[in-house]
N, C-alpha and C. Protein backbone atom coordinates (compact mmCIF):
# COMPACT_ATOMS: atom_id res chain seq x y z
N MET A 1 22.13 4.52 20.85
CA MET A 1 20.89 5.58 20.37
C MET A 1 20.93 4.02 19.36
N THR A 2 19.52 4.24 18.98
CA THR A 2 18.97 3.65 17.90
C THR A 2 19.58 3.47 16.06
N ILE A 3 19.56 2.57 15.36
CA ILE A 3 19.42 3.55 14.41
C ILE A 3 18.66 4.39 13.95
N GLN A 4 17.29 4.10 14.19
CA GLN A 4 16.39 5.16 13.18
C GLN A 4 17.21 6.96 14.17
N ALA A 5 17.29 6.75 15.32
CA ALA A 5 17.13 8.08 15.40
C ALA A 5 18.74 8.58 15.49
N ASN A 6 19.66 7.81 14.80
CA ASN A 6 20.65 8.82 15.02
C ASN A 6 20.54 8.98 13.35
N ILE A 7 20.06 8.65 12.35
CA ILE A 7 19.20 8.95 10.76
C ILE A 7 18.99 9.88 11.15
N GLU A 8 17.79 10.45 12.56
CA GLU A 8 16.78 11.60 12.59
C GLU A 8 18.04 12.25 12.31
N ASP A 9 19.18 12.49 13.84
CA ASP A 9 20.01 13.22 14.00
C ASP A 9 21.10 13.60 12.43
N LYS A 10 21.21 12.38 12.22
CA LYS A 10 23.14 13.46 11.01
C LYS A 10 21.79 14.12 10.05
N ILE A 11 20.48 14.25 9.39
CA ILE A 11 19.76 14.89 8.82
C ILE A 11 18.94 16.06 9.47
N THR A 12 18.65 16.26 10.06
CA THR A 12 18.12 17.50 11.33
C THR A 12 19.63 18.08 11.22
N GLN A 13 20.70 17.24 11.84
CA GLN A 13 22.05 18.30 11.75
C GLN A 13 22.52 18.84 10.28
N ALA A 14 22.35 18.59 9.09
CA ALA A 14 23.36 18.69 8.20
C ALA A 14 21.90 19.78 7.74
N LEU A 15 20.36 18.88 7.21
CA LEU A 15 19.99 20.12 6.28
C LEU A 15 18.70 20.54 7.25
N GLN A 16 18.70 20.96 8.28
CA GLN A 16 17.81 21.56 9.60
C GLN A 16 16.22 21.46 8.64
N PRO A 17 15.53 20.10 8.17
CA PRO A 17 14.09 19.89 7.64
C PRO A 17 13.48 21.20 8.70
N GLU A 18 12.09 21.81 7.34
CA GLU A 18 10.93 21.81 8.18
C GLU A 18 10.49 20.63 8.52
N TYR A 19 10.59 19.73 7.36
CA TYR A 19 9.52 18.07 8.50
C TYR A 19 10.58 16.69 7.91
N LEU A 20 10.29 16.07 8.44
CA LEU A 20 11.67 15.24 8.93
C LEU A 20 10.60 14.06 9.33
N GLU A 21 10.20 12.72 8.93
CA GLU A 21 9.61 11.82 9.02
C GLU A 21 10.61 10.57 8.49
N VAL A 22 11.47 9.80 9.73
CA VAL A 22 11.86 8.50 9.57
C VAL A 22 10.67 7.20 9.95
N ALA A 23 11.19 6.53 9.33
CA ALA A 23 9.83 5.35 9.23
C ALA A 23 11.01 3.93 9.45
N ASN A 24 10.89 2.99 10.16
CA ASN A 24 11.77 1.68 10.46
C ASN A 24 10.25 1.19 10.02
N GLU A 25 10.73 0.48 9.10
CA GLU A 25 9.65 -0.58 7.67
C GLU A 25 10.31 -1.79 7.63
N SER A 26 10.90 -2.20 8.61
CA SER A 26 11.43 -3.59 8.93
C SER A 26 10.56 -4.54 9.43
N HIS A 27 9.76 -4.26 10.10
CA HIS A 27 8.44 -5.11 10.28
C HIS A 27 7.92 -5.45 8.92
N MET A 28 7.78 -4.69 7.75
CA MET A 28 7.35 -5.18 6.62
C MET A 28 7.98 -6.49 6.18
N HIS A 29 9.05 -6.84 5.91
CA HIS A 29 9.86 -7.98 5.48
C HIS A 29 10.60 -9.08 6.69
N ASN A 30 11.27 -9.37 5.38
CA ASN A 30 11.17 -10.97 6.04
C ASN A 30 12.12 -11.07 6.74
N VAL A 31 12.63 -9.67 8.33
CA VAL A 31 13.63 -9.96 9.24
C VAL A 31 13.36 -10.09 10.48
N PRO A 32 13.86 -10.66 11.64
CA PRO A 32 13.81 -10.79 12.99
C PRO A 32 12.60 -9.54 13.62
N PRO A 33 11.91 -9.83 14.16
CA PRO A 33 11.50 -8.67 15.35
C PRO A 33 12.87 -8.12 15.53
N GLY A 34 12.24 -6.49 15.66
CA GLY A 34 13.16 -5.96 16.53
C GLY A 34 14.62 -5.02 15.49
N SER A 35 14.62 -5.60 14.17
CA SER A 35 15.66 -5.69 13.26
C SER A 35 15.11 -3.18 12.89
N GLU A 36 15.78 -3.12 12.55
CA GLU A 36 16.13 -1.44 11.75
C GLU A 36 17.09 -1.85 10.40
N SER A 37 16.58 -2.16 9.89
CA SER A 37 17.09 -2.42 8.65
C SER A 37 16.48 -1.91 6.87
N HIS A 38 15.33 -1.98 7.18
CA HIS A 38 14.66 -0.43 6.27
C HIS A 38 13.76 0.55 6.79
N PHE A 39 13.75 1.61 5.95
CA PHE A 39 13.41 2.51 6.54
C PHE A 39 13.08 3.42 5.24
N LYS A 40 12.00 4.39 5.75
CA LYS A 40 11.82 5.27 5.23
C LYS A 40 11.63 6.57 5.49
N VAL A 41 12.21 7.69 4.54
CA VAL A 41 12.66 8.78 5.16
C VAL A 41 12.12 9.43 4.32
N THR A 42 11.35 10.53 4.94
CA THR A 42 10.65 11.89 4.17
C THR A 42 10.93 12.97 4.80
N VAL A 43 11.38 14.03 3.72
CA VAL A 43 12.47 14.92 4.61
C VAL A 43 12.38 16.09 3.56
N VAL A 44 12.04 17.77 4.95
CA VAL A 44 11.47 18.90 3.31
C VAL A 44 12.47 19.30 4.09
N THR A 45 12.86 19.95 2.94
CA THR A 45 13.93 21.39 3.42
C THR A 45 14.20 21.61 1.91
N SER A 46 14.77 23.85 2.24
CA SER A 46 14.53 24.33 1.34
C SER A 46 15.95 23.69 0.86
N GLU A 47 17.12 23.31 1.59
CA GLU A 47 18.32 22.59 1.15
C GLU A 47 17.72 22.32 -0.25
N PHE A 48 16.66 21.69 -1.14
CA PHE A 48 16.61 21.03 -1.84
C PHE A 48 16.09 21.69 -3.12
N ASP A 49 16.06 22.99 -2.99
CA ASP A 49 15.25 23.83 -3.74
C ASP A 49 16.20 24.25 -4.91
N ASN A 50 16.13 24.37 -6.39
CA ASN A 50 16.96 23.73 -7.62
C ASN A 50 17.53 22.49 -7.34
N LYS A 51 17.56 21.76 -6.42
CA LYS A 51 18.57 20.20 -6.89
C LYS A 51 17.53 19.60 -6.96
N MET A 52 17.65 18.57 -8.49
CA MET A 52 17.39 18.10 -9.19
C MET A 52 17.33 16.84 -8.35
N LEU A 53 16.05 15.77 -8.36
CA LEU A 53 15.87 14.75 -7.44
C LEU A 53 17.60 13.59 -7.22
N VAL A 54 17.83 13.64 -8.22
CA VAL A 54 18.94 12.54 -8.04
C VAL A 54 20.63 12.88 -6.41
N ALA A 55 20.12 14.67 -7.11
CA ALA A 55 21.12 15.61 -6.21
C ALA A 55 20.56 15.19 -4.96
N ARG A 56 19.42 15.27 -4.78
CA ARG A 56 18.52 15.41 -3.36
C ARG A 56 19.19 14.09 -2.76
N HIS A 57 18.77 13.12 -3.38
CA HIS A 57 19.20 11.37 -2.91
C HIS A 57 20.76 11.46 -2.56
N ARG A 58 22.12 11.94 -3.32
CA ARG A 58 23.11 11.64 -3.50
C ARG A 58 23.33 12.71 -2.33
N ILE A 59 22.86 13.16 -2.08
CA ILE A 59 23.27 14.20 -0.67
C ILE A 59 22.54 14.03 0.53
N LEU A 60 21.21 12.79 0.73
CA LEU A 60 21.32 11.75 1.88
C LEU A 60 21.73 10.16 2.04
N ASN A 61 22.17 9.82 0.09
CA ASN A 61 22.97 8.39 0.55
C ASN A 61 24.29 8.74 1.38
N GLN A 62 25.25 9.75 0.99
CA GLN A 62 26.30 10.99 1.64
C GLN A 62 26.54 10.59 2.75
N LEU A 63 25.36 11.06 3.30
CA LEU A 63 25.06 11.71 4.98
C LEU A 63 25.17 10.42 5.00
N LEU A 64 24.67 9.55 5.07
CA LEU A 64 23.86 8.17 5.73
C LEU A 64 25.02 6.88 4.74
N LYS A 65 26.29 7.61 4.39
CA LYS A 65 26.61 6.41 3.85
C LYS A 65 27.06 5.18 5.52
N GLU A 66 26.95 5.72 6.48
CA GLU A 66 27.62 4.79 7.57
C GLU A 66 26.63 3.34 7.53
N GLU A 67 26.12 4.08 7.76
CA GLU A 67 24.26 3.49 7.74
C GLU A 67 23.76 2.55 6.74
N LEU A 68 24.49 3.11 5.93
CA LEU A 68 24.07 2.32 4.34
C LEU A 68 24.99 0.89 4.39
N ASP A 69 26.24 1.68 4.58
CA ASP A 69 27.12 0.60 4.63
C ASP A 69 27.59 -0.15 5.41
N GLY A 70 26.19 -0.46 6.85
CA GLY A 70 26.18 -1.82 7.75
C GLY A 70 24.83 -1.74 7.90
N PRO A 71 24.11 -1.72 9.15
CA PRO A 71 22.87 -2.40 9.31
C PRO A 71 21.95 -2.02 8.13
N VAL A 72 21.64 -0.51 7.33
CA VAL A 72 20.78 -0.38 6.53
C VAL A 72 20.94 -1.15 5.28
N HIS A 73 19.79 -2.10 5.27
CA HIS A 73 19.51 -2.92 3.74
C HIS A 73 18.85 -1.92 3.11
N ALA A 74 17.38 -1.25 3.29
CA ALA A 74 17.10 -0.34 2.22
C ALA A 74 16.84 1.34 2.87
N LEU A 75 16.04 2.00 1.21
CA LEU A 75 15.87 3.17 2.33
C LEU A 75 15.66 3.63 0.61
N SER A 76 14.52 3.96 1.71
CA SER A 76 13.27 4.24 0.72
C SER A 76 13.13 6.45 1.14
N LEU A 77 13.84 7.68 -0.03
CA LEU A 77 13.91 8.37 0.12
C LEU A 77 12.86 9.11 -0.59
N HIS A 78 11.96 10.09 0.41
CA HIS A 78 11.19 11.25 -0.27
C HIS A 78 11.68 12.48 -0.01
N THR A 79 12.66 13.11 -1.06
CA THR A 79 12.84 14.03 -0.85
C THR A 79 11.96 15.26 -1.03
N LEU A 80 11.80 16.30 0.08
CA LEU A 80 11.17 17.49 -1.15
C LEU A 80 10.94 19.02 -0.97
N THR A 81 10.71 20.15 -1.43
CA THR A 81 11.33 21.37 -1.31
C THR A 81 9.72 21.71 -0.56
N PRO A 82 10.32 22.92 0.83
CA PRO A 82 8.75 23.46 0.73
C PRO A 82 7.48 23.11 0.36
N ASN A 83 7.81 23.74 -1.20
CA ASN A 83 6.99 24.20 -1.86
C ASN A 83 5.99 22.54 -2.80
N GLU A 84 6.50 21.38 -2.58
CA GLU A 84 6.17 20.73 -3.75
C GLU A 84 6.03 19.81 -2.46
N TRP A 85 5.80 19.65 -0.78
CA TRP A 85 5.97 19.67 -0.19
C TRP A 85 3.91 20.09 0.79
N GLN A 86 4.03 20.81 0.00
CA GLN A 86 2.81 22.24 -0.14
C GLN A 86 1.43 21.40 -1.07
N GLU A 87 2.09 21.78 -2.12
CA GLU A 87 1.62 21.28 -2.95
C GLU A 87 1.02 19.37 -3.23
N LYS A 88 1.70 18.47 -2.05
CA LYS A 88 1.58 17.36 -2.01
C LYS A 88 0.17 17.33 -0.43
N ASN A 89 0.26 18.87 -0.58
CA ASN A 89 -0.51 18.54 1.03
C ASN A 89 0.53 17.51 1.80
N GLY A 90 1.02 17.41 1.80
CA GLY A 90 1.77 16.99 3.76
C GLY A 90 1.33 15.22 3.26
N GLU A 91 1.48 15.05 1.67
CA GLU A 91 0.99 13.55 1.59
C GLU A 91 2.36 12.52 1.28
N ILE A 92 2.68 11.53 1.33
CA ILE A 92 3.71 10.69 1.16
C ILE A 92 3.20 8.99 0.39
N ARG A 93 2.50 8.55 -0.65
CA ARG A 93 2.40 7.44 -0.55
C ARG A 93 2.88 6.19 0.30
N LYS A 94 1.89 5.24 0.98
CA LYS A 94 2.66 4.42 1.62
C LYS A 94 3.43 3.75 0.94
N SER A 95 4.30 2.87 1.55
CA SER A 95 5.10 1.74 0.90
C SER A 95 4.08 0.46 0.60
N PRO A 96 4.67 0.19 -0.48
CA PRO A 96 3.97 -1.86 -1.01
C PRO A 96 4.68 -2.49 0.50
N PRO A 97 3.93 -3.73 -0.37
CA PRO A 97 4.03 -4.44 0.92
C PRO A 97 5.32 -5.34 0.15
N CYS A 98 5.84 -6.14 1.07
CA CYS A 98 7.43 -6.86 1.00
C CYS A 98 6.76 -8.30 -0.26
N LEU A 99 7.61 -8.46 -1.19
CA LEU A 99 7.44 -9.92 -1.84
C LEU A 99 8.68 -10.12 -2.56
N GLY A 100 9.47 -9.90 -1.77
CA GLY A 100 10.59 -10.68 -1.98
C GLY A 100 10.97 -11.58 -0.57
N GLY A 101 11.98 -12.77 -0.81
CA GLY A 101 12.64 -13.48 0.67
C GLY A 101 11.80 -14.34 0.58
N SER A 102 11.91 -15.13 1.57
CA SER A 102 10.72 -16.05 1.28
C SER A 102 9.61 -15.63 1.48
N LYS A 103 8.67 -14.55 1.59
CA LYS A 103 7.25 -14.50 1.69
C LYS A 103 6.48 -14.03 0.32
N ALA A 104 7.54 -14.45 -0.94
CA ALA A 104 7.22 -14.31 -2.09
C ALA A 104 6.66 -16.20 -1.87
N LYS A 105 7.54 -16.72 -1.45
CA LYS A 105 6.86 -18.32 -2.31
C LYS A 105 5.62 -18.63 -1.82
């Protein structure tokens, strides 16, 4: 199973999201082709109702601890309630290009 699929499975089982997108953005960074090290995760679930942003992120960081302790270098989190998702019309900002590592030289 890929790291991306593992992340999707863990989030789906724990939070039963109304919407989930796990995007592998490793290709945007200075890593070997085929890497699974940088992810953008968008989760929409009623489990986040009445929880502050930091609490939502803690839930995901704990849920994905094994991945964060190992192969995943960066995790961009977009954690929304269904109402917040509706207010945003289902749109999340695009990730900026990487400026770190040797690409910035």
